[in-house]
Every structure is written in C-alpha cells, then in structure tokens.
C-alpha cells in the first residue's frame, strides 16, 4: 500500500501485528470500537480484511480517554525496557495517527494523548506513518516517555523512540485486558469440561506417584488435556513449559484430599465412583461441593457475577435473563462485561457494540454472539458449586432472553434487615 494510503486503521493494523504477533502467548490486545465500523472518519470504507487484523474490539477507558489499542504484550517483546512491572506484565496503550486528506499526520497530538494514558498504563506509544514524524515530535516523545513506532507502506515497523515502563497499575476497566492475557482469561481458551470435579482431581493426580495422565484417565476423565487446561484456568496449577506445578490453591485441594481420605490414592478412588454422574456436585458430595465453591469463587469473573446478581436481587429482580444481566453489568463494568460474555470476532463485536462502545440490545438476543466458556462451561460450574440455580447452555441452542441467571441463595432478606 502507498504511504498516502496509511490512514489510522492501516497504521494501527501494522503496529498491532508488530506488537502482538499471532503466535504470541500470554498476550492480548483490543482495538477501540470506532475501528469496527464500516467507514472511517472521512467516510472511506474500512476493508473487512483490515478489520480482521484489528479485531477484537472493545471501548476501554485508560486515563481520561479511550486509546486506539490497549493490550498486554508478550514478555519477550524487545520494544520494552522491562518485561514486568512488579508481578505483572506491562499494560500497553497505543494511539495511532494516520495521514489525513491533507497528507499530514498529527503525531504531536497523539503524543499528548498517549502521555495521558500513563496514569494507568505502564507503557504508552504513538504509531504513525514513516516519513510523517517530525524531529519536534521525537524530542517531545523522549521528554514525556512516550514511544513512537514508524509504520512503513510495506508494513515494516521501526521503533523511533523506545519508552520506559512505569509503575502505574490499572485500577479500572483496563484490568479486564490484563485478565484476558492471564492464564485465567477466556480469550481463545475454553473450559473443555463443564464439571468441576475433573479440575479438582488434577492436583491430586499431579502429586500421585503414578503417571498423572494415566491416573487421571483411569479414575476421573479421559480428556486429560482439557482437565489440565481447566485446572490452570481455576488457578489450581501453573501450566509451565517444563510441566504443570501446583499453585497454593492447588496445594490446598491436595491437603483437603489428605485430610478427608488419608491419602491421595484414596481420594482419587472416590472420584472414580463419580464418573459419568449427572447429579449436581454440591448435592452429590457436599464437602467437595464446599471446596468447589471456594475454588470457583476465586475465579476473577465469579465475584463480579455474584455481586451483580445480588444487586439485581436487591432491586427486585432475582431471576434476570442473560440479556438483562449483561446490560446491568455493562453499566458499571463495560470492558470486563464485553470481554467475559461476548465472542471476540469482529462480526460479533461490530453487531453488538456501537462506535462509542454502547450495547445494541437486539444483537444480545442472539445466542451465537455469546462466549461459550462463560455462558456454558462457567455457568455450569457455578451450578455444580451451588452458586446459581440453572446450568449453562451452549450458545448454539441458547435463548438469551429465557436463560435465567439467579443466585441459589440471595441475601436480600438479610441485607434489607441490616440496612434499616
């Protein structure tokens, strides 16, 4: 593409491809919803192939504005001075500036916008067409610690200014993007099994003297890979390159098994008896059900869901539909709600979100726009843990307006008494 064609969408696509290559792991980024629309500011159509590169879309507030891109890059990214800020990978905000109808790009304005993002982002950058970045902009960027990426017409990206990571810690909506980049995020991952017993058994099988996969297949479930991935989802294990390791929460599951059965082997024998059981787990095995409740509650999304469902019950709506729940959550946690419930494909986000990041209710009534790990697998685990009243449903057969999300034990009676 010619340099003159490097509009903001083109520049942003080049920067994203460089910062977040498709083979990157533990990395995640979203592009602002304005780029999900059919046409750009000057009424030029955005190429659908370009939108595929830019997806997924979300409207994420960082600082006082909404960056063009927000993400957590892979730790080995060579554009950053450090790969961690404390215990966390850095949060990156990017502003893109493309050539307008006059042939110029307002790079210095992008620097000012990016600088504002450092209130919550660890790294801020501006991406602009190569040849459009004046010396004055380079000087300003160095003074305020904003990186600059020059995007060439062939897609090559050159760092003109390398920023330092700062210690800002996102406290608002940007935390949802860090969640998606973590081992617990639902982006491009899945709870392959919807019964929590399969994940609780994995720490026990891991410390068993026998082969982990063989023990798990014989006594618990044949889909051992899915069990391992789900155990990592629930923070029971850390799935490392040299093999899985127990987390503190996973160690507590093992201690529970030892306390209840005297040995890991005996605990796993109990799981053998539950094979193929369809009964609600908290009723089938109340003690394990309580442990399941604790584990599932540690999952970051659970606490938000329980809090919102409790507030809806307080407001006289104890059994909201999925559509009503998503609308309610979006009012206070828009970014997290979109990431948790909606599929990340460009067609879904384009259907459901306006350019300003608002929800389009009609689209929410179609089950296929929803993320299976949340509306099917996570909800089913919340059901087995005794937290919600109904099990999850696959998006392909989901009726969002009839799918009820209700707490099994709402506290409205006790809360109203304490409020008086």
Protein backbone atom coordinates (compact mmCIF):
# COMPACT_ATOMS: atom_id res chain seq x y z
CA UNK A 1 0.00 0.00 0.00
CA UNK A 2 1.21 3.51 -0.76
CA UNK A 3 2.30 5.73 2.10
CA UNK A 4 -0.50 8.14 1.27
CA UNK A 5 -2.98 5.32 1.98
CA UNK A 6 -1.68 4.88 5.52
CA UNK A 7 -4.79 6.04 7.33
CA UNK A 8 -5.25 5.40 11.05
CA UNK A 9 -6.71 1.91 10.55
CA UNK A 10 -3.76 0.90 8.34
CA UNK A 11 -1.20 2.33 10.78
CA UNK A 12 -2.89 0.66 13.75
CA UNK A 13 -3.03 -2.71 11.98
CA UNK A 14 0.70 -2.53 11.26
CA UNK A 15 1.52 -1.60 14.85
CA UNK A 16 -0.71 -4.33 16.27
CA UNK A 17 0.79 -7.01 14.02
CA UNK A 18 4.26 -6.00 15.23
CA UNK A 19 3.42 -5.70 18.92
CA UNK A 20 1.09 -8.70 19.07
CA UNK A 21 2.16 -11.35 16.56
CA UNK A 22 -0.36 -14.14 16.04
CA UNK A 23 1.93 -16.76 17.57
CA UNK A 24 2.36 -14.74 20.78
CA UNK A 25 1.37 -16.42 24.04
CA UNK A 26 0.13 -14.75 27.22
CA UNK A 27 -0.59 -11.65 25.14
CA UNK A 28 -3.88 -9.96 24.39
CA UNK A 29 -5.00 -6.69 22.84
CA UNK A 30 -8.22 -4.96 21.83
CA UNK A 31 -8.76 -2.13 19.37
CA UNK A 32 -11.27 0.64 20.01
CA UNK A 33 -14.81 0.10 18.72
CA UNK A 34 -14.60 3.10 16.35
CA UNK A 35 -12.47 0.88 14.08
CA UNK A 36 -15.20 -1.79 13.96
CA UNK A 37 -17.50 0.46 11.95
CA UNK A 38 -17.96 0.20 8.19
CA UNK A 39 -16.45 3.58 7.41
CA UNK A 40 -13.65 5.74 8.76
CA UNK A 41 -13.88 9.40 9.76
CA UNK A 42 -13.53 10.80 6.22
CA UNK A 43 -16.20 8.33 5.02
CA UNK A 44 -13.69 5.94 3.47
CA UNK A 45 -14.72 2.30 3.82
CA UNK A 46 -12.61 0.16 6.16
CA UNK A 47 -11.52 -3.02 4.39
CA UNK A 48 -13.05 -6.10 6.09
CA UNK A 49 -9.68 -7.86 5.86
CA UNK A 50 -8.17 -4.97 7.78
CA UNK A 51 -10.85 -5.29 10.44
CA UNK A 52 -9.97 -8.96 10.80
CA UNK A 53 -6.43 -7.88 11.69
CA UNK A 54 -7.66 -5.28 14.15
CA UNK A 55 -10.21 -7.49 15.99
CA UNK A 56 -11.22 -7.99 18.74
CA UNK A 57 -12.81 -4.62 19.52
CA UNK A 58 -13.72 -3.00 22.83
CA UNK A 59 -14.06 0.52 24.23
CA UNK A 60 -11.57 0.69 27.10
CA UNK A 61 -11.00 3.76 29.23
CA UNK A 62 -7.38 4.34 30.25
CA UNK A 63 -6.62 7.61 31.98
CA UNK A 64 -9.15 10.19 30.82
CA UNK A 65 -9.66 8.77 27.34
CA UNK A 66 -10.01 5.73 25.13
CA UNK A 67 -6.78 4.59 23.40
CA UNK A 68 -6.89 3.15 19.91
CA UNK A 69 -5.32 -0.06 21.24
CA UNK A 70 -4.96 -1.48 24.75
CA UNK A 71 -3.09 -4.70 25.42
CA UNK A 72 -0.66 -6.81 27.37
CA UNK A 73 2.22 -7.80 25.07
CA UNK A 74 4.26 -10.98 25.24
CA UNK A 75 7.01 -10.78 27.83
CA UNK A 76 9.79 -11.26 25.30
CA UNK A 77 8.79 -8.14 23.32
CA UNK A 78 12.04 -6.29 22.56
CA UNK A 79 10.43 -2.85 22.37
CA UNK A 80 10.17 -2.52 26.14
CA UNK A 81 12.92 -1.84 28.64
CA UNK A 82 11.45 -4.30 31.16
CA UNK A 83 9.10 -7.23 30.73
CA UNK A 84 7.35 -6.96 34.09
CA UNK A 85 6.08 -4.27 36.44
CA UNK A 86 6.10 -5.90 39.85
CA UNK A 87 4.41 -9.27 39.45
CA UNK A 88 2.53 -8.25 36.33
CA UNK A 89 3.35 -7.91 32.62
CA UNK A 90 3.04 -4.30 31.45
CA UNK A 91 -0.18 -2.79 30.19
CA UNK A 92 0.33 -1.00 26.86
CA UNK A 93 -1.75 1.82 25.34
CA UNK A 94 -1.26 2.88 21.70
CA UNK A 95 -2.57 5.92 19.84
CA UNK A 96 -2.48 5.75 16.04
CA UNK A 97 -2.16 8.73 13.74
CA UNK A 98 -2.62 8.29 10.01
CA UNK A 99 -2.37 10.58 7.03
CA UNK A 100 -5.47 12.71 6.58
CA UNK A 101 -6.88 14.19 3.37
CA UNK A 102 -4.25 16.94 3.62
CA UNK A 103 -1.45 14.35 3.66
CA UNK A 104 -0.33 15.09 7.22
CA UNK A 105 -0.43 13.10 10.47
CA UNK A 106 -0.92 14.89 13.80
CA UNK A 107 1.82 13.00 15.65
CA UNK A 108 2.30 15.57 18.41
CA UNK A 109 -1.38 15.40 19.33
CA UNK A 110 -1.02 11.62 19.53
CA UNK A 111 1.91 12.05 21.94
CA UNK A 112 -0.18 14.26 24.22
CA UNK A 113 -3.00 11.69 24.15
CA UNK A 114 -0.62 8.81 24.83
CA UNK A 115 1.01 10.67 27.72
CA UNK A 116 -2.39 10.95 29.40
CA UNK A 117 -2.68 7.15 29.34
CA UNK A 118 0.33 6.78 31.65
CA UNK A 119 -1.98 7.45 34.59
CA UNK A 120 -2.99 3.79 34.30
CA UNK A 121 -0.89 2.22 31.52
CA UNK A 122 2.67 1.08 32.11
CA UNK A 123 3.72 1.91 28.54
CA UNK A 124 2.29 4.46 26.08
CA UNK A 125 3.09 4.64 22.37
CA UNK A 126 2.15 6.50 19.21
CA UNK A 127 2.11 4.76 15.83
CA UNK A 128 2.39 6.94 12.72
CA UNK A 129 3.32 6.60 9.04
CA UNK A 130 7.04 6.51 8.31
CA UNK A 131 8.17 9.86 6.97
CA UNK A 132 5.45 11.77 8.83
CA UNK A 133 7.22 12.13 12.19
CA UNK A 134 8.99 15.50 12.63
CA UNK A 135 12.05 15.97 14.82
CA UNK A 136 9.99 18.10 17.22
CA UNK A 137 7.70 15.12 17.84
CA UNK A 138 10.65 12.82 18.54
CA UNK A 139 12.01 15.35 21.06
CA UNK A 140 8.64 15.72 22.77
CA UNK A 141 8.14 11.95 22.97
CA UNK A 142 11.51 11.44 24.67
CA UNK A 143 10.75 14.19 27.19
CA UNK A 144 7.42 12.67 28.26
CA UNK A 145 8.41 8.97 27.93
CA UNK A 146 6.10 8.08 25.05
CA UNK A 147 7.28 5.56 22.47
CA UNK A 148 6.98 6.16 18.73
CA UNK A 149 6.55 3.47 16.08
CA UNK A 150 7.05 4.34 12.42
CA UNK A 151 4.90 2.17 10.12
CA UNK A 152 6.14 1.86 6.54
CA UNK A 153 3.99 1.25 3.47
CA UNK A 154 5.08 -2.41 3.35
CA UNK A 155 4.01 -2.93 6.96
CA UNK A 156 7.53 -2.76 8.42
CA UNK A 157 7.56 -1.16 11.87
CA UNK A 158 10.57 0.74 13.22
CA UNK A 159 10.78 1.98 16.82
CA UNK A 160 11.86 5.62 16.64
CA UNK A 161 11.59 6.19 20.41
CA UNK A 162 11.70 3.32 22.91
CA UNK A 163 9.71 4.06 26.08
CA UNK A 164 10.46 3.03 29.64
CA UNK A 165 7.83 1.09 31.54
CA UNK A 166 6.44 2.99 34.53
CA UNK A 167 4.89 1.63 37.67
CA UNK A 168 1.30 2.69 37.05
CA UNK A 169 -1.18 -0.02 37.99
CA UNK A 170 -4.54 -0.08 36.21
CA UNK A 171 -7.37 0.16 38.72
CA UNK A 172 -10.34 0.45 36.38
CA UNK A 173 -11.62 -1.09 33.20
CA UNK A 174 -8.13 -1.73 31.80
CA UNK A 175 -7.76 -4.55 34.33
CA UNK A 176 -10.13 -6.59 32.15
CA UNK A 177 -7.48 -6.66 29.41
CA UNK A 178 -4.85 -7.89 31.86
CA UNK A 179 -7.32 -10.59 32.92
CA UNK A 180 -7.71 -11.74 29.31
CA UNK A 181 -3.93 -12.01 28.92
CA UNK A 182 -3.63 -14.15 32.04
CA UNK A 183 -3.96 -17.92 32.33
CA UNK A 184 -7.50 -17.31 33.66
CA UNK A 185 -8.67 -15.21 30.68
CA UNK A 186 -11.37 -16.58 28.41
CA UNK A 187 -9.93 -15.23 25.15
CA UNK A 188 -9.10 -18.07 22.74
CA UNK A 189 -9.35 -20.53 25.63
CA UNK A 190 -12.08 -22.75 26.92
CA UNK A 191 -13.22 -24.82 29.87
CA UNK A 192 -13.23 -28.01 27.82
CA UNK A 193 -15.14 -29.86 30.54
CA UNK A 194 -18.04 -28.37 32.42
CA UNK A 195 -17.90 -30.47 35.61
CA UNK A 196 -15.58 -29.02 38.28
CA UNK A 197 -14.67 -32.44 39.69
CA UNK A 198 -12.46 -33.00 36.63
CA UNK A 199 -10.37 -29.97 37.54
CA UNK A 200 -10.28 -30.59 41.29
CA UNK A 201 -8.87 -34.05 40.63
CA UNK A 202 -5.93 -32.75 38.60
CA UNK A 203 -3.83 -31.54 41.58
CA UNK A 204 -4.37 -34.94 43.24
CA UNK A 205 -3.29 -36.79 40.11
CA UNK A 206 -0.29 -34.49 39.74
CA UNK A 207 1.14 -35.46 43.16
CA UNK A 208 0.16 -39.13 42.84
CA UNK A 209 3.14 -41.48 42.50
CA UNK A 210 1.77 -42.81 39.22
CA UNK A 211 1.76 -41.11 35.82
CA UNK A 212 -0.51 -38.06 36.05
CA UNK A 213 -2.30 -38.55 32.74
CA UNK A 214 -2.78 -42.30 33.24
CA UNK A 215 -4.13 -41.89 36.78
CA UNK A 216 -6.50 -39.15 35.67
CA UNK A 217 -7.76 -41.12 32.66
CA UNK A 218 -8.36 -44.26 34.71
CA UNK A 219 -10.14 -42.71 37.67
CA UNK A 220 -11.58 -39.36 36.63
CA UNK A 221 -11.83 -38.40 32.96
CA UNK A 222 -10.25 -39.44 29.68
CA UNK A 223 -9.92 -35.86 28.39
CA UNK A 224 -6.75 -35.22 30.38
CA UNK A 225 -5.58 -32.24 28.31
CA UNK A 226 -8.87 -30.46 28.92
CA UNK A 227 -8.63 -31.24 32.63
CA UNK A 228 -5.14 -29.73 32.77
CA UNK A 229 -6.20 -26.57 30.92
CA UNK A 230 -9.23 -26.13 33.18
CA UNK A 231 -7.12 -26.65 36.31
CA UNK A 232 -4.88 -23.81 35.09
CA UNK A 233 -7.98 -21.70 34.38
CA UNK A 234 -9.04 -22.10 38.00
CA UNK A 235 -5.51 -21.37 39.27
CA UNK A 236 -5.05 -24.88 40.68
CA UNK A 237 -1.89 -25.41 38.66
CA UNK A 238 0.61 -23.34 36.74
CA UNK A 239 0.94 -24.89 33.29
CA UNK A 240 4.64 -24.18 32.63
CA UNK A 241 6.90 -25.15 29.74
CA UNK A 242 8.64 -27.72 31.96
CA UNK A 243 5.39 -29.24 33.15
CA UNK A 244 2.50 -28.30 35.44
CA UNK A 245 3.18 -27.20 39.03
CA UNK A 246 0.75 -26.82 41.91
CA UNK A 247 -0.32 -23.32 42.91
CA UNK A 248 -1.10 -22.52 46.58
CA UNK A 249 -4.77 -23.11 45.82
CA UNK A 250 -3.94 -26.46 44.22
CA UNK A 251 -1.90 -27.42 47.25
CA UNK A 252 -4.93 -26.71 49.42
CA UNK A 253 -7.01 -29.11 47.31
CA UNK A 254 -4.42 -31.82 47.94
CA UNK A 255 -4.43 -31.07 51.69
CA UNK A 256 -8.21 -31.36 51.69
CA UNK A 257 -7.99 -34.77 50.00
CA UNK A 258 -5.41 -35.98 52.51
CA UNK A 259 -7.46 -34.74 55.45
CA UNK A 260 -10.68 -36.31 54.17
CA UNK A 261 -9.31 -39.66 52.90
CA UNK A 262 -5.89 -40.17 54.46
CA UNK A 263 -4.06 -40.49 51.13
CA UNK A 264 -4.09 -39.10 47.62
CA UNK A 265 -4.76 -42.57 46.25
CA UNK A 266 -7.88 -42.99 48.39
CA UNK A 267 -9.14 -39.55 47.41
CA UNK A 268 -8.81 -40.41 43.73
CA UNK A 269 -10.67 -43.68 44.32
CA UNK A 270 -13.62 -41.56 45.42
CA UNK A 271 -13.52 -39.68 42.13
CA UNK A 272 -13.73 -43.00 40.28
CA UNK A 273 -17.15 -43.55 41.88
CA UNK A 274 -18.39 -40.21 40.48
CA UNK A 275 -17.54 -40.98 36.87
CA UNK A 276 -20.37 -40.05 34.50
CA UNK A 277 -22.56 -38.81 37.34
CA UNK A 278 -25.01 -36.09 36.21
CA UNK A 279 -26.10 -35.11 39.71
CA UNK A 280 -25.35 -31.63 40.98
CA UNK A 281 -21.92 -31.90 42.59
CA UNK A 282 -22.70 -29.89 45.74
CA UNK A 283 -25.58 -32.30 46.43
CA UNK A 284 -23.70 -35.45 45.38
CA UNK A 285 -20.65 -34.66 47.54
CA UNK A 286 -21.40 -31.77 49.93
CA UNK A 287 -17.85 -31.49 51.37
CA UNK A 288 -16.26 -31.44 47.93
CA UNK A 289 -19.04 -29.08 46.86
CA UNK A 290 -17.95 -26.58 49.51
CA UNK A 291 -14.36 -26.83 48.28
CA UNK A 292 -15.58 -26.38 44.71
CA UNK A 293 -17.43 -23.25 45.79
CA UNK A 294 -14.25 -21.82 47.27
CA UNK A 295 -12.19 -22.63 44.17
CA UNK A 296 -14.74 -21.32 41.69
CA UNK A 297 -15.24 -18.17 43.74
CA UNK A 298 -11.52 -17.42 43.38
CA UNK A 299 -12.01 -17.20 39.61
CA UNK A 300 -11.99 -13.44 38.83
CA UNK A 301 -15.26 -13.45 36.88
CA UNK A 302 -17.24 -15.21 39.61
CA UNK A 303 -17.04 -12.38 42.11
CA UNK A 304 -18.32 -9.84 39.59
CA UNK A 305 -21.19 -12.11 38.58
CA UNK A 306 -22.23 -12.87 42.16
CA UNK A 307 -22.07 -9.18 43.13
CA UNK A 308 -24.18 -8.09 40.14
CA UNK A 309 -26.73 -10.88 40.67
CA UNK A 310 -27.03 -9.94 44.34
CA UNK A 311 -27.59 -6.28 43.45
CA UNK A 312 -30.25 -7.24 40.93
CA UNK A 313 -31.97 -9.31 43.62
CA UNK A 314 -31.82 -6.33 45.97
CA UNK A 315 -33.54 -4.27 43.27
CA UNK A 316 -36.38 -6.75 42.99
CA UNK A 317 -35.05 -8.70 40.00
CA UNK A 318 -33.90 -12.04 41.49
CA UNK A 319 -34.00 -14.02 38.21
CA UNK A 320 -32.63 -11.81 35.42
CA UNK A 321 -32.23 -13.17 31.94
CA UNK A 322 -28.81 -13.31 30.33
CA UNK A 323 -29.66 -10.19 28.32
CA UNK A 324 -30.70 -8.30 31.45
CA UNK A 325 -27.57 -9.42 33.31
CA UNK A 326 -25.25 -8.32 30.51
CA UNK A 327 -26.96 -4.93 30.26
CA UNK A 328 -26.72 -4.43 34.03
CA UNK A 329 -23.05 -5.46 34.25
CA UNK A 330 -22.18 -3.24 31.30
CA UNK A 331 -23.42 -0.16 33.13
CA UNK A 332 -20.62 -0.34 35.71
CA UNK A 333 -18.02 -2.71 34.20
CA UNK A 334 -18.35 -2.27 30.42
CA UNK A 335 -14.94 -3.56 29.36
CA UNK A 336 -14.99 -6.63 31.59
CA UNK A 337 -18.57 -7.43 30.56
CA UNK A 338 -17.73 -7.36 26.86
CA UNK A 339 -14.61 -9.49 27.34
CA UNK A 340 -16.38 -12.00 29.57
CA UNK A 341 -19.63 -12.51 27.68
CA UNK A 342 -19.12 -11.65 24.01
CA UNK A 343 -17.14 -13.54 21.41
CA UNK A 344 -14.10 -11.66 20.16
CA UNK A 345 -14.72 -11.93 16.42
CA UNK A 346 -15.04 -8.69 14.50
CA UNK A 347 -18.53 -9.52 13.21
CA UNK A 348 -19.88 -10.14 16.73
CA UNK A 349 -18.34 -7.05 18.32
CA UNK A 350 -19.47 -4.99 15.30
CA UNK A 351 -23.05 -6.25 15.70
CA UNK A 352 -23.22 -5.77 19.46
CA UNK A 353 -21.22 -2.57 20.06
CA UNK A 354 -21.65 0.92 18.68
CA UNK A 355 -18.66 3.12 17.83
CA UNK A 356 -18.94 4.58 21.35
CA UNK A 357 -18.92 1.13 22.96
CA UNK A 358 -22.62 1.06 23.84
CA UNK A 359 -24.63 -2.16 23.61
CA UNK A 360 -27.14 -2.80 20.84
CA UNK A 361 -29.83 -4.78 22.64
CA UNK A 362 -31.30 -6.52 19.61
CA UNK A 363 -27.99 -8.25 18.96
CA UNK A 364 -27.88 -9.51 22.56
CA UNK A 365 -30.97 -11.65 21.93
CA UNK A 366 -28.99 -13.91 19.54
CA UNK A 367 -27.27 -16.74 21.41
CA UNK A 368 -24.41 -17.07 18.93
CA UNK A 369 -22.84 -13.75 19.99
CA UNK A 370 -22.01 -15.16 23.44
CA UNK A 371 -18.77 -16.70 24.65
CA UNK A 372 -19.18 -20.41 25.38
CA UNK A 373 -16.63 -20.55 28.25
CA UNK A 374 -18.86 -18.14 30.18
CA UNK A 375 -22.48 -18.93 29.29
CA UNK A 376 -21.99 -22.70 29.12
CA UNK A 377 -18.95 -24.01 30.99
CA UNK A 378 -18.51 -21.37 33.72
CA UNK A 379 -22.22 -21.17 34.44
CA UNK A 380 -22.42 -24.96 34.67
CA UNK A 381 -19.57 -24.98 37.19
CA UNK A 382 -21.33 -22.26 39.20
CA UNK A 383 -24.38 -24.52 39.16
CA UNK A 384 -22.40 -27.53 40.42
CA UNK A 385 -20.85 -25.35 43.14
CA UNK A 386 -24.33 -24.36 44.35
CA UNK A 387 -23.97 -20.69 43.40
CA UNK A 388 -26.60 -20.32 40.64
CA UNK A 389 -29.90 -22.10 40.10
CA UNK A 390 -29.57 -23.24 36.49
CA UNK A 391 -26.90 -24.94 34.44
CA UNK A 392 -25.25 -23.39 31.37
CA UNK A 393 -26.34 -23.75 27.75
CA UNK A 394 -24.31 -23.95 24.55
CA UNK A 395 -24.54 -20.72 22.51
CA UNK A 396 -25.88 -22.64 19.51
CA UNK A 397 -29.06 -23.55 21.44
CA UNK A 398 -29.12 -20.57 23.84
CA UNK A 399 -32.15 -18.29 24.16
CA UNK A 400 -30.62 -15.28 25.95
CA UNK A 401 -33.99 -13.79 26.89
CA UNK A 402 -35.12 -17.03 28.57
CA UNK A 403 -31.75 -18.07 30.08
CA UNK A 404 -32.08 -17.27 33.79
CA UNK A 405 -29.11 -16.23 35.93
CA UNK A 406 -30.17 -16.38 39.59
CA UNK A 407 -28.35 -16.92 42.86
CA UNK A 408 -29.37 -20.07 44.68
CA UNK A 409 -29.09 -18.23 47.98
CA UNK A 410 -29.71 -14.47 47.51
CA UNK A 411 -29.20 -12.41 50.64
CA UNK A 412 -31.87 -9.76 50.08
CA UNK A 413 -33.79 -10.68 53.25
CA UNK A 414 -30.70 -10.28 55.43
CA UNK A 415 -29.36 -7.24 53.58
CA UNK A 416 -32.62 -5.33 53.92
CA UNK A 417 -32.61 -6.02 57.66
CA UNK A 418 -29.06 -4.72 58.05
CA UNK A 419 -29.85 -1.59 56.01
CA UNK A 420 -32.52 -0.44 58.49
